[in-house]
């Protein structure tokens, strides 16, 4: 899911295992925040299971990333920090580029 946000079990649990989250962005500090929300909140994004992985969760974020001009061309993992009730990702920190099996296969086959 290009432009989506994934949570491992620890991050999802830190948020309180919500059904939905609000996506927040501090342009100046280049930080994304995730705050647990009720699904009825019009600003909330539903949290979904990540494929067959029962512990991983994901949130659609392509429109959010595009609106704030956040580079999502390469999947990256970041350390997070809980600040009050907000899970914070500092985009200025060193993220780790990750490549999934499909991207690796395309690379081996010479596809774009």
PDB file of N, CA and C in Angstrom:
ATOM      1  N   UNK A   1       0.860  -1.177   0.000  1.00  0.00           N
ATOM      2  CA  UNK A   1       0.000   0.000   0.000  1.00  0.00           C
ATOM      3  C   UNK A   1       0.901   1.233   0.000  1.00  0.00           C
ATOM      4  N   UNK A   2       1.164   1.814  -1.133  1.00  0.00           N
ATOM      5  CA  UNK A   2       2.018   2.983  -1.232  1.00  0.00           C
ATOM      6  C   UNK A   2       1.327   4.172  -0.583  1.00  0.00           C
ATOM      7  N   UNK A   3       2.019   4.785   0.375  1.00  0.00           N
ATOM      8  CA  UNK A   3       1.444   5.926   1.069  1.00  0.00           C
ATOM      9  C   UNK A   3       0.664   5.535   2.298  1.00  0.00           C
ATOM     10  N   UNK A   4       0.655   4.262   2.621  1.00  0.00           N
ATOM     11  CA  UNK A   4      -0.035   3.816   3.829  1.00  0.00           C
ATOM     12  C   UNK A   4       0.921   3.794   5.006  1.00  0.00           C
ATOM     13  N   UNK A   5       0.354   3.721   6.174  1.00  0.00           N
ATOM     14  CA  UNK A   5       1.144   3.659   7.400  1.00  0.00           C
ATOM     15  C   UNK A   5       0.869   2.329   8.079  1.00  0.00           C
ATOM     16  N   UNK A   6       1.913   1.644   8.468  1.00  0.00           N
ATOM     17  CA  UNK A   6       1.780   0.353   9.130  1.00  0.00           C
ATOM     18  C   UNK A   6       2.248   0.462  10.567  1.00  0.00           C
ATOM     19  N   UNK A   7       1.603  -0.302  11.432  1.00  0.00           N
ATOM     20  CA  UNK A   7       1.953  -0.346  12.852  1.00  0.00           C
ATOM     21  C   UNK A   7       2.290  -1.778  13.238  1.00  0.00           C
ATOM     22  N   UNK A   8       3.401  -1.955  13.953  1.00  0.00           N
ATOM     23  CA  UNK A   8       3.638  -3.268  14.533  1.00  0.00           C
ATOM     24  C   UNK A   8       2.774  -3.377  15.787  1.00  0.00           C
ATOM     25  N   UNK A   9       2.777  -4.541  16.406  1.00  0.00           N
ATOM     26  CA  UNK A   9       1.924  -4.777  17.569  1.00  0.00           C
ATOM     27  C   UNK A   9       2.217  -3.806  18.705  1.00  0.00           C
ATOM     28  N   UNK A  10       3.497  -3.540  18.968  1.00  0.00           N
ATOM     29  CA  UNK A  10       3.868  -2.639  20.072  1.00  0.00           C
ATOM     30  C   UNK A  10       3.325  -1.228  19.852  1.00  0.00           C
ATOM     31  N   UNK A  11       3.448  -0.715  18.631  1.00  0.00           N
ATOM     32  CA  UNK A  11       2.958   0.632  18.336  1.00  0.00           C
ATOM     33  C   UNK A  11       1.432   0.683  18.423  1.00  0.00           C
ATOM     34  N   UNK A  12       0.776  -0.326  17.895  1.00  0.00           N
ATOM     35  CA  UNK A  12      -0.685  -0.387  17.928  1.00  0.00           C
ATOM     36  C   UNK A  12      -1.180  -0.484  19.372  1.00  0.00           C
ATOM     37  N   UNK A  13      -0.525  -1.314  20.168  1.00  0.00           N
ATOM     38  CA  UNK A  13      -0.889  -1.438  21.581  1.00  0.00           C
ATOM     39  C   UNK A  13      -0.671  -0.123  22.329  1.00  0.00           C
ATOM     40  N   UNK A  14       0.413   0.595  21.998  1.00  0.00           N
ATOM     41  CA  UNK A  14       0.707   1.871  22.658  1.00  0.00           C
ATOM     42  C   UNK A  14      -0.408   2.885  22.410  1.00  0.00           C
ATOM     43  N   UNK A  15      -1.056   2.776  21.262  1.00  0.00           N
ATOM     44  CA  UNK A  15      -2.184   3.661  20.943  1.00  0.00           C
ATOM     45  C   UNK A  15      -3.473   3.222  21.628  1.00  0.00           C
ATOM     46  N   UNK A  16      -3.458   2.051  22.238  1.00  0.00           N
ATOM     47  CA  UNK A  16      -4.661   1.543  22.892  1.00  0.00           C
ATOM     48  C   UNK A  16      -5.498   0.653  21.995  1.00  0.00           C
ATOM     49  N   UNK A  17      -4.904   0.137  20.927  1.00  0.00           N
ATOM     50  CA  UNK A  17      -5.584  -0.762  19.982  1.00  0.00           C
ATOM     51  C   UNK A  17      -6.882  -0.162  19.439  1.00  0.00           C
ATOM     52  N   UNK A  18      -6.812   1.044  18.877  1.00  0.00           N
ATOM     53  CA  UNK A  18      -8.045   1.708  18.420  1.00  0.00           C
ATOM     54  C   UNK A  18      -8.582   1.146  17.109  1.00  0.00           C
ATOM     55  N   UNK A  19      -9.867   1.401  16.865  1.00  0.00           N
ATOM     56  CA  UNK A  19     -10.491   1.038  15.589  1.00  0.00           C
ATOM     57  C   UNK A  19     -10.163   2.075  14.514  1.00  0.00           C
ATOM     58  N   UNK A  20      -9.794   3.292  14.957  1.00  0.00           N
ATOM     59  CA  UNK A  20      -9.496   4.377  14.021  1.00  0.00           C
ATOM     60  C   UNK A  20      -8.481   5.320  14.660  1.00  0.00           C
ATOM     61  N   UNK A  21      -7.789   6.083  13.811  1.00  0.00           N
ATOM     62  CA  UNK A  21      -6.823   7.069  14.294  1.00  0.00           C
ATOM     63  C   UNK A  21      -6.981   8.368  13.514  1.00  0.00           C
ATOM     64  N   UNK A  22      -6.609   9.448  14.153  1.00  0.00           N
ATOM     65  CA  UNK A  22      -6.475  10.728  13.461  1.00  0.00           C
ATOM     66  C   UNK A  22      -5.023  10.844  13.042  1.00  0.00           C
ATOM     67  N   UNK A  23      -4.792  11.361  11.842  1.00  0.00           N
ATOM     68  CA  UNK A  23      -3.438  11.614  11.363  1.00  0.00           C
ATOM     69  C   UNK A  23      -3.155  13.095  11.544  1.00  0.00           C
ATOM     70  N   UNK A  24      -2.035  13.386  12.164  1.00  0.00           N
ATOM     71  CA  UNK A  24      -1.640  14.767  12.443  1.00  0.00           C
ATOM     72  C   UNK A  24      -0.289  15.022  11.794  1.00  0.00           C
ATOM     73  N   UNK A  25      -0.031  16.275  11.437  1.00  0.00           N
ATOM     74  CA  UNK A  25       1.274  16.583  10.844  1.00  0.00           C
ATOM     75  C   UNK A  25       1.741  17.956  11.288  1.00  0.00           C
ATOM     76  N   UNK A  26       2.985  18.024  11.729  1.00  0.00           N
ATOM     77  CA  UNK A  26       3.648  19.277  12.084  1.00  0.00           C
ATOM     78  C   UNK A  26       4.638  19.562  10.960  1.00  0.00           C
ATOM     79  N   UNK A  27       4.272  20.476  10.071  1.00  0.00           N
ATOM     80  CA  UNK A  27       5.113  20.783   8.901  1.00  0.00           C
ATOM     81  C   UNK A  27       6.496  21.290   9.305  1.00  0.00           C
ATOM     82  N   UNK A  28       6.520  22.180  10.278  1.00  0.00           N
ATOM     83  CA  UNK A  28       7.792  22.776  10.688  1.00  0.00           C
ATOM     84  C   UNK A  28       8.744  21.741  11.284  1.00  0.00           C
ATOM     85  N   UNK A  29       8.233  20.890  12.148  1.00  0.00           N
ATOM     86  CA  UNK A  29       9.068  19.887  12.809  1.00  0.00           C
ATOM     87  C   UNK A  29       9.199  18.605  11.986  1.00  0.00           C
ATOM     88  N   UNK A  30       8.402  18.487  10.914  1.00  0.00           N
ATOM     89  CA  UNK A  30       8.385  17.283  10.078  1.00  0.00           C
ATOM     90  C   UNK A  30       8.122  16.028  10.912  1.00  0.00           C
ATOM     91  N   UNK A  31       7.008  16.081  11.641  1.00  0.00           N
ATOM     92  CA  UNK A  31       6.604  14.944  12.471  1.00  0.00           C
ATOM     93  C   UNK A  31       5.161  14.565  12.159  1.00  0.00           C
ATOM     94  N   UNK A  32       4.930  13.267  12.054  1.00  0.00           N
ATOM     95  CA  UNK A  32       3.583  12.737  11.871  1.00  0.00           C
ATOM     96  C   UNK A  32       3.112  12.226  13.226  1.00  0.00           C
ATOM     97  N   UNK A  33       1.857  12.492  13.541  1.00  0.00           N
ATOM     98  CA  UNK A  33       1.271  11.998  14.779  1.00  0.00           C
ATOM     99  C   UNK A  33       0.060  11.140  14.495  1.00  0.00           C
ATOM    100  N   UNK A  34      -0.117  10.130  15.315  1.00  0.00           N
ATOM    101  CA  UNK A  34      -1.276   9.244  15.243  1.00  0.00           C
ATOM    102  C   UNK A  34      -1.955   9.271  16.599  1.00  0.00           C
ATOM    103  N   UNK A  35      -3.237   9.627  16.608  1.00  0.00           N
ATOM    104  CA  UNK A  35      -3.986   9.685  17.860  1.00  0.00           C
ATOM    105  C   UNK A  35      -5.223   8.797  17.724  1.00  0.00           C
ATOM    106  N   UNK A  36      -5.437   7.943  18.719  1.00  0.00           N
ATOM    107  CA  UNK A  36      -6.611   7.077  18.717  1.00  0.00           C
ATOM    108  C   UNK A  36      -7.871   7.922  18.595  1.00  0.00           C
ATOM    109  N   UNK A  37      -8.841   7.400  17.869  1.00  0.00           N
ATOM    110  CA  UNK A  37     -10.076   8.145  17.635  1.00  0.00           C
ATOM    111  C   UNK A  37     -11.245   7.176  17.523  1.00  0.00           C
ATOM    112  N   UNK A  38     -12.422   7.720  17.661  1.00  0.00           N
ATOM    113  CA  UNK A  38     -13.636   6.948  17.421  1.00  0.00           C
ATOM    114  C   UNK A  38     -13.851   6.860  15.909  1.00  0.00           C
ATOM    115  N   UNK A  39     -14.316   5.728  15.412  1.00  0.00           N
ATOM    116  CA  UNK A  39     -14.532   5.590  13.965  1.00  0.00           C
ATOM    117  C   UNK A  39     -15.525   6.602  13.401  1.00  0.00           C
ATOM    118  N   UNK A  40     -16.422   7.109  14.235  1.00  0.00           N
ATOM    119  CA  UNK A  40     -17.430   8.065  13.771  1.00  0.00           C
ATOM    120  C   UNK A  40     -16.841   9.454  13.508  1.00  0.00           C
ATOM    121  N   UNK A  41     -15.658   9.726  14.022  1.00  0.00           N
ATOM    122  CA  UNK A  41     -15.010  11.021  13.831  1.00  0.00           C
ATOM    123  C   UNK A  41     -14.743  11.219  12.333  1.00  0.00           C
ATOM    124  N   UNK A  42     -15.246  12.307  11.737  1.00  0.00           N
ATOM    125  CA  UNK A  42     -15.034  12.511  10.299  1.00  0.00           C
ATOM    126  C   UNK A  42     -13.565  12.695   9.915  1.00  0.00           C
ATOM    127  N   UNK A  43     -12.694  12.975  10.871  1.00  0.00           N
ATOM    128  CA  UNK A  43     -11.268  13.130  10.590  1.00  0.00           C
ATOM    129  C   UNK A  43     -10.485  11.835  10.809  1.00  0.00           C
ATOM    130  N   UNK A  44     -11.180  10.781  11.219  1.00  0.00           N
ATOM    131  CA  UNK A  44     -10.514   9.525  11.562  1.00  0.00           C
ATOM    132  C   UNK A  44     -10.321   8.633  10.340  1.00  0.00           C
ATOM    133  N   UNK A  45      -9.237   7.882  10.385  1.00  0.00           N
ATOM    134  CA  UNK A  45      -8.936   6.874   9.380  1.00  0.00           C
ATOM    135  C   UNK A  45      -9.098   5.501  10.037  1.00  0.00           C
ATOM    136  N   UNK A  46      -9.826   4.577   9.406  1.00  0.00           N
ATOM    137  CA  UNK A  46      -9.988   3.258  10.014  1.00  0.00           C
ATOM    138  C   UNK A  46      -8.672   2.484  10.034  1.00  0.00           C
ATOM    139  N   UNK A  47      -8.468   1.708  11.083  1.00  0.00           N
ATOM    140  CA  UNK A  47      -7.298   0.844  11.210  1.00  0.00           C
ATOM    141  C   UNK A  47      -7.716  -0.537  10.732  1.00  0.00           C
ATOM    142  N   UNK A  48      -6.937  -1.103   9.840  1.00  0.00           N
ATOM    143  CA  UNK A  48      -7.270  -2.408   9.267  1.00  0.00           C
ATOM    144  C   UNK A  48      -6.139  -3.387   9.531  1.00  0.00           C
ATOM    145  N   UNK A  49      -6.478  -4.671   9.506  1.00  0.00           N
ATOM    146  CA  UNK A  49      -5.445  -5.697   9.627  1.00  0.00           C
ATOM    147  C   UNK A  49      -4.576  -5.674   8.387  1.00  0.00           C
ATOM    148  N   UNK A  50      -3.329  -6.057   8.561  1.00  0.00           N
ATOM    149  CA  UNK A  50      -2.358  -6.016   7.477  1.00  0.00           C
ATOM    150  C   UNK A  50      -2.244  -7.396   6.838  1.00  0.00           C
ATOM    151  N   UNK A  51      -3.038  -7.631   5.827  1.00  0.00           N
ATOM    152  CA  UNK A  51      -3.015  -8.918   5.129  1.00  0.00           C
ATOM    153  C   UNK A  51      -3.327 -10.076   6.058  1.00  0.00           C
ATOM    154  N   UNK A  52      -2.548 -11.137   5.933  1.00  0.00           N
ATOM    155  CA  UNK A  52      -2.737 -12.316   6.785  1.00  0.00           C
ATOM    156  C   UNK A  52      -2.068 -12.151   8.137  1.00  0.00           C
ATOM    157  N   UNK A  53      -1.325 -11.067   8.308  1.00  0.00           N
ATOM    158  CA  UNK A  53      -0.642 -10.784   9.568  1.00  0.00           C
ATOM    159  C   UNK A  53      -1.689 -10.336  10.589  1.00  0.00           C
ATOM    160  N   UNK A  54      -1.894 -11.117  11.624  1.00  0.00           N
ATOM    161  CA  UNK A  54      -2.938 -10.799  12.594  1.00  0.00           C
ATOM    162  C   UNK A  54      -2.507  -9.732  13.590  1.00  0.00           C
ATOM    163  N   UNK A  55      -1.203  -9.469  13.710  1.00  0.00           N
ATOM    164  CA  UNK A  55      -0.757  -8.471  14.681  1.00  0.00           C
ATOM    165  C   UNK A  55      -0.469  -7.126  14.037  1.00  0.00           C
ATOM    166  N   UNK A  56      -0.070  -7.109  12.768  1.00  0.00           N
ATOM    167  CA  UNK A  56       0.221  -5.850  12.092  1.00  0.00           C
ATOM    168  C   UNK A  56      -1.051  -5.138  11.688  1.00  0.00           C
ATOM    169  N   UNK A  57      -1.021  -3.820  11.754  1.00  0.00           N
ATOM    170  CA  UNK A  57      -2.175  -3.002  11.381  1.00  0.00           C
ATOM    171  C   UNK A  57      -1.721  -1.944  10.389  1.00  0.00           C
ATOM    172  N   UNK A  58      -2.679  -1.413   9.639  1.00  0.00           N
ATOM    173  CA  UNK A  58      -2.343  -0.374   8.669  1.00  0.00           C
ATOM    174  C   UNK A  58      -3.459   0.658   8.563  1.00  0.00           C
ATOM    175  N   UNK A  59      -3.050   1.830   8.096  1.00  0.00           N
ATOM    176  CA  UNK A  59      -3.965   2.948   7.895  1.00  0.00           C
ATOM    177  C   UNK A  59      -3.663   3.524   6.516  1.00  0.00           C
ATOM    178  N   UNK A  60      -4.699   3.747   5.730  1.00  0.00           N
ATOM    179  CA  UNK A  60      -4.517   4.385   4.426  1.00  0.00           C
ATOM    180  C   UNK A  60      -4.011   5.805   4.658  1.00  0.00           C
ATOM    181  N   UNK A  61      -3.020   6.213   3.910  1.00  0.00           N
ATOM    182  CA  UNK A  61      -2.479   7.547   4.122  1.00  0.00           C
ATOM    183  C   UNK A  61      -2.007   8.230   2.863  1.00  0.00           C
ATOM    184  N   UNK A  62      -2.361   7.683   1.698  1.00  0.00           N
ATOM    185  CA  UNK A  62      -1.881   8.242   0.447  1.00  0.00           C
ATOM    186  C   UNK A  62      -2.323   9.695   0.263  1.00  0.00           C
ATOM    187  N   UNK A  63      -3.588   9.985   0.486  1.00  0.00           N
ATOM    188  CA  UNK A  63      -4.085  11.358   0.318  1.00  0.00           C
ATOM    189  C   UNK A  63      -3.443  12.286   1.348  1.00  0.00           C
ATOM    190  N   UNK A  64      -3.284  11.796   2.584  1.00  0.00           N
ATOM    191  CA  UNK A  64      -2.640  12.572   3.646  1.00  0.00           C
ATOM    192  C   UNK A  64      -1.199  12.912   3.242  1.00  0.00           C
ATOM    193  N   UNK A  65      -0.458  11.905   2.793  1.00  0.00           N
ATOM    194  CA  UNK A  65       0.939  12.108   2.388  1.00  0.00           C
ATOM    195  C   UNK A  65       1.032  13.069   1.203  1.00  0.00           C
ATOM    196  N   UNK A  66       0.135  12.926   0.264  1.00  0.00           N
ATOM    197  CA  UNK A  66       0.146  13.808  -0.904  1.00  0.00           C
ATOM    198  C   UNK A  66      -0.166  15.249  -0.491  1.00  0.00           C
ATOM    199  N   UNK A  67      -1.166  15.430   0.355  1.00  0.00           N
ATOM    200  CA  UNK A  67      -1.560  16.763   0.802  1.00  0.00           C
ATOM    201  C   UNK A  67      -0.401  17.488   1.483  1.00  0.00           C
ATOM    202  N   UNK A  68       0.332  16.763   2.322  1.00  0.00           N
ATOM    203  CA  UNK A  68       1.441  17.376   3.063  1.00  0.00           C
ATOM    204  C   UNK A  68       2.792  17.209   2.368  1.00  0.00           C
ATOM    205  N   UNK A  69       2.787  16.683   1.149  1.00  0.00           N
ATOM    206  CA  UNK A  69       4.008  16.494   0.367  1.00  0.00           C
ATOM    207  C   UNK A  69       5.044  15.673   1.140  1.00  0.00           C
ATOM    208  N   UNK A  70       4.584  14.581   1.727  1.00  0.00           N
ATOM    209  CA  UNK A  70       5.457  13.659   2.456  1.00  0.00           C
ATOM    210  C   UNK A  70       5.912  12.590   1.472  1.00  0.00           C
ATOM    211  N   UNK A  71       7.216  12.401   1.358  1.00  0.00           N
ATOM    212  CA  UNK A  71       7.776  11.424   0.427  1.00  0.00           C
ATOM    213  C   UNK A  71       7.464  10.002   0.895  1.00  0.00           C
ATOM    214  N   UNK A  72       6.679   9.298   0.110  1.00  0.00           N
ATOM    215  CA  UNK A  72       6.353   7.904   0.419  1.00  0.00           C
ATOM    216  C   UNK A  72       6.771   7.000  -0.746  1.00  0.00           C
ATOM    217  N   UNK A  73       7.734   7.467  -1.544  1.00  0.00           N
ATOM    218  CA  UNK A  73       8.166   6.687  -2.704  1.00  0.00           C
ATOM    219  C   UNK A  73       8.932   5.432  -2.297  1.00  0.00           C
ATOM    220  N   UNK A  74       9.507   5.439  -1.105  1.00  0.00           N
ATOM    221  CA  UNK A  74      10.231   4.285  -0.576  1.00  0.00           C
ATOM    222  C   UNK A  74       9.658   3.961   0.794  1.00  0.00           C
ATOM    223  N   UNK A  75       9.365   2.679   1.016  1.00  0.00           N
ATOM    224  CA  UNK A  75       8.866   2.269   2.333  1.00  0.00           C
ATOM    225  C   UNK A  75      10.003   2.393   3.357  1.00  0.00           C
ATOM    226  N   UNK A  76       9.680   2.972   4.513  1.00  0.00           N
ATOM    227  CA  UNK A  76      10.684   3.163   5.560  1.00  0.00           C
ATOM    228  C   UNK A  76      10.105   2.785   6.914  1.00  0.00           C
ATOM    229  N   UNK A  77      10.991   2.318   7.790  1.00  0.00           N
ATOM    230  CA  UNK A  77      10.622   2.073   9.187  1.00  0.00           C
ATOM    231  C   UNK A  77      11.250   3.161  10.031  1.00  0.00           C
ATOM    232  N   UNK A  78      10.485   3.630  11.015  1.00  0.00           N
ATOM    233  CA  UNK A  78      10.961   4.657  11.927  1.00  0.00           C
ATOM    234  C   UNK A  78      10.718   4.230  13.368  1.00  0.00           C
ATOM    235  N   UNK A  79      11.585   4.690  14.242  1.00  0.00           N
ATOM    236  CA  UNK A  79      11.320   4.563  15.672  1.00  0.00           C
ATOM    237  C   UNK A  79      10.219   5.565  15.991  1.00  0.00           C
ATOM    238  N   UNK A  80       9.405   5.248  16.971  1.00  0.00           N
ATOM    239  CA  UNK A  80       8.318   6.142  17.363  1.00  0.00           C
ATOM    240  C   UNK A  80       8.466   6.515  18.825  1.00  0.00           C
ATOM    241  N   UNK A  81       7.730   7.532  19.197  1.00  0.00           N
ATOM    242  CA  UNK A  81       7.757   8.016  20.571  1.00  0.00           C
ATOM    243  C   UNK A  81       6.332   8.388  20.957  1.00  0.00           C
ATOM    244  N   UNK A  82       5.894   7.964  22.139  1.00  0.00           N
ATOM    245  CA  UNK A  82       4.575   8.378  22.630  1.00  0.00           C
ATOM    246  C   UNK A  82       4.733   9.711  23.345  1.00  0.00           C
ATOM    247  N   UNK A  83       3.989  10.703  22.918  1.00  0.00           N
ATOM    248  CA  UNK A  83       3.973  12.012  23.557  1.00  0.00           C
ATOM    249  C   UNK A  83       2.523  12.277  23.944  1.00  0.00           C
ATOM    250  N   UNK A  84       2.273  12.162  25.246  1.00  0.00           N
ATOM    251  CA  UNK A  84       0.912  12.182  25.775  1.00  0.00           C
ATOM    252  C   UNK A  84       0.140  11.034  25.124  1.00  0.00           C
ATOM    253  N   UNK A  85      -0.915  11.328  24.375  1.00  0.00           N
ATOM    254  CA  UNK A  85      -1.700  10.257  23.753  1.00  0.00           C
ATOM    255  C   UNK A  85      -1.444  10.149  22.253  1.00  0.00           C
ATOM    256  N   UNK A  86      -0.322  10.720  21.786  1.00  0.00           N
ATOM    257  CA  UNK A  86      -0.012  10.743  20.358  1.00  0.00           C
ATOM    258  C   UNK A  86       1.256   9.935  20.079  1.00  0.00           C
ATOM    259  N   UNK A  87       1.152   9.016  19.133  1.00  0.00           N
ATOM    260  CA  UNK A  87       2.304   8.257  18.664  1.00  0.00           C
ATOM    261  C   UNK A  87       2.977   9.110  17.596  1.00  0.00           C
ATOM    262  N   UNK A  88       4.243   9.470  17.825  1.00  0.00           N
ATOM    263  CA  UNK A  88       4.925  10.438  16.968  1.00  0.00           C
ATOM    264  C   UNK A  88       6.054   9.785  16.175  1.00  0.00           C
ATOM    265  N   UNK A  89       6.093  10.099  14.879  1.00  0.00           N
ATOM    266  CA  UNK A  89       7.170   9.684  13.990  1.00  0.00           C
ATOM    267  C   UNK A  89       7.898  10.945  13.545  1.00  0.00           C
ATOM    268  N   UNK A  90       9.183  11.013  13.840  1.00  0.00           N
ATOM    269  CA  UNK A  90      10.004  12.151  13.429  1.00  0.00           C
ATOM    270  C   UNK A  90      10.633  11.820  12.083  1.00  0.00           C
ATOM    271  N   UNK A  91      10.172  12.464  11.022  1.00  0.00           N
ATOM    272  CA  UNK A  91      10.668  12.181   9.683  1.00  0.00           C
ATOM    273  C   UNK A  91      12.098  12.676   9.466  1.00  0.00           C
ATOM    274  N   UNK A  92      12.608  13.492  10.376  1.00  0.00           N
ATOM    275  CA  UNK A  92      13.998  13.937  10.275  1.00  0.00           C
ATOM    276  C   UNK A  92      14.948  12.877  10.841  1.00  0.00           C
ATOM    277  N   UNK A  93      14.413  11.917  11.579  1.00  0.00           N
ATOM    278  CA  UNK A  93      15.258  10.861  12.134  1.00  0.00           C
ATOM    279  C   UNK A  93      15.641   9.878  11.037  1.00  0.00           C
ATOM    280  N   UNK A  94      16.627   9.076  11.342  1.00  0.00           N
ATOM    281  CA  UNK A  94      17.113   8.098  10.375  1.00  0.00           C
ATOM    282  C   UNK A  94      16.113   6.950  10.264  1.00  0.00           C
ATOM    283  N   UNK A  95      15.418   6.889   9.162  1.00  0.00           N
ATOM    284  CA  UNK A  95      14.524   5.769   8.900  1.00  0.00           C
ATOM    285  C   UNK A  95      15.296   4.671   8.188  1.00  0.00           C
ATOM    286  N   UNK A  96      14.770   3.481   8.243  1.00  0.00           N
ATOM    287  CA  UNK A  96      15.393   2.346   7.573  1.00  0.00           C
ATOM    288  C   UNK A  96      14.556   2.013   6.346  1.00  0.00           C
ATOM    289  N   UNK A  97      15.183   2.055   5.165  1.00  0.00           N
ATOM    290  CA  UNK A  97      14.477   1.682   3.945  1.00  0.00           C
ATOM    291  C   UNK A  97      14.183   0.191   3.993  1.00  0.00           C
ATOM    292  N   UNK A  98      12.969  -0.170   3.649  1.00  0.00           N
ATOM    293  CA  UNK A  98      12.583  -1.581   3.633  1.00  0.00           C
ATOM    294  C   UNK A  98      12.007  -1.912   2.269  1.00  0.00           C
ATOM    295  N   UNK A  99      12.288  -3.088   1.814  1.00  0.00           N
ATOM    296  CA  UNK A  99      11.788  -3.535   0.527  1.00  0.00           C
ATOM    297  C   UNK A  99      11.030  -4.825   0.744  1.00  0.00           C
ATOM    298  N   UNK A 100       9.805  -4.837   0.300  1.00  0.00           N
ATOM    299  CA  UNK A 100       8.985  -6.034   0.428  1.00  0.00           C
ATOM    300  C   UNK A 100       9.320  -7.052  -0.636  1.00  0.00           C
ATOM    301  N   UNK A 101       8.781  -8.248  -0.545  1.00  0.00           N
ATOM    302  CA  UNK A 101       9.079  -9.315  -1.494  1.00  0.00           C
ATOM    303  C   UNK A 101       8.720  -8.976  -2.940  1.00  0.00           C
ATOM    304  N   UNK A 102       7.630  -8.240  -3.144  1.00  0.00           N
ATOM    305  CA  UNK A 102       7.236  -7.895  -4.520  1.00  0.00           C
ATOM    306  C   UNK A 102       8.245  -6.956  -5.158  1.00  0.00           C
ATOM    307  N   UNK A 103       8.694  -5.945  -4.400  1.00  0.00           N
ATOM    308  CA  UNK A 103       9.668  -4.997  -4.939  1.00  0.00           C
ATOM    309  C   UNK A 103      10.986  -5.699  -5.224  1.00  0.00           C
ATOM    310  N   UNK A 104      11.391  -6.600  -4.349  1.00  0.00           N
ATOM    311  CA  UNK A 104      12.634  -7.343  -4.565  1.00  0.00           C
ATOM    312  C   UNK A 104      12.530  -8.204  -5.820  1.00  0.00           C
ATOM    313  N   UNK A 105      11.380  -8.827  -6.021  1.00  0.00           N
ATOM    314  CA  UNK A 105      11.174  -9.668  -7.208  1.00  0.00           C
ATOM    315  C   UNK A 105      11.218  -8.816  -8.463  1.00  0.00           C
ATOM    316  N   UNK A 106      10.560  -7.670  -8.468  1.00  0.00           N
ATOM    317  CA  UNK A 106      10.587  -6.778  -9.622  1.00  0.00           C
ATOM    318  C   UNK A 106      12.013  -6.346  -9.930  1.00  0.00           C
ATOM    319  N   UNK A 107      12.779  -6.052  -8.880  1.00  0.00           N
ATOM    320  CA  UNK A 107      14.166  -5.635  -9.065  1.00  0.00           C
ATOM    321  C   UNK A 107      14.974  -6.756  -9.734  1.00  0.00           C
ATOM    322  N   UNK A 108      14.769  -7.984  -9.304  1.00  0.00           N
ATOM    323  CA  UNK A 108      15.498  -9.123  -9.871  1.00  0.00           C
ATOM    324  C   UNK A 108      15.095  -9.351 -11.319  1.00  0.00           C
ATOM    325  N   UNK A 109      13.850  -9.062 -11.654  1.00  0.00           N
ATOM    326  CA  UNK A 109      13.362  -9.266 -13.018  1.00  0.00           C
ATOM    327  C   UNK A 109      13.624  -8.064 -13.913  1.00  0.00           C
ATOM    328  N   UNK A 110      14.151  -6.981 -13.341  1.00  0.00           N
ATOM    329  CA  UNK A 110      14.444  -5.795 -14.100  1.00  0.00           C
ATOM    330  C   UNK A 110      13.238  -4.959 -14.453  1.00  0.00           C
ATOM    331  N   UNK A 111      12.146  -5.112 -13.691  1.00  0.00           N
ATOM    332  CA  UNK A 111      10.933  -4.347 -13.945  1.00  0.00           C
ATOM    333  C   UNK A 111      10.959  -3.061 -13.137  1.00  0.00           C
ATOM    334  N   UNK A 112      10.161  -2.098 -13.567  1.00  0.00           N
ATOM    335  CA  UNK A 112      10.019  -0.827 -12.855  1.00  0.00           C
ATOM    336  C   UNK A 112       8.679  -0.746 -12.219  1.00  0.00           C
TER     337      UNK A 112
END
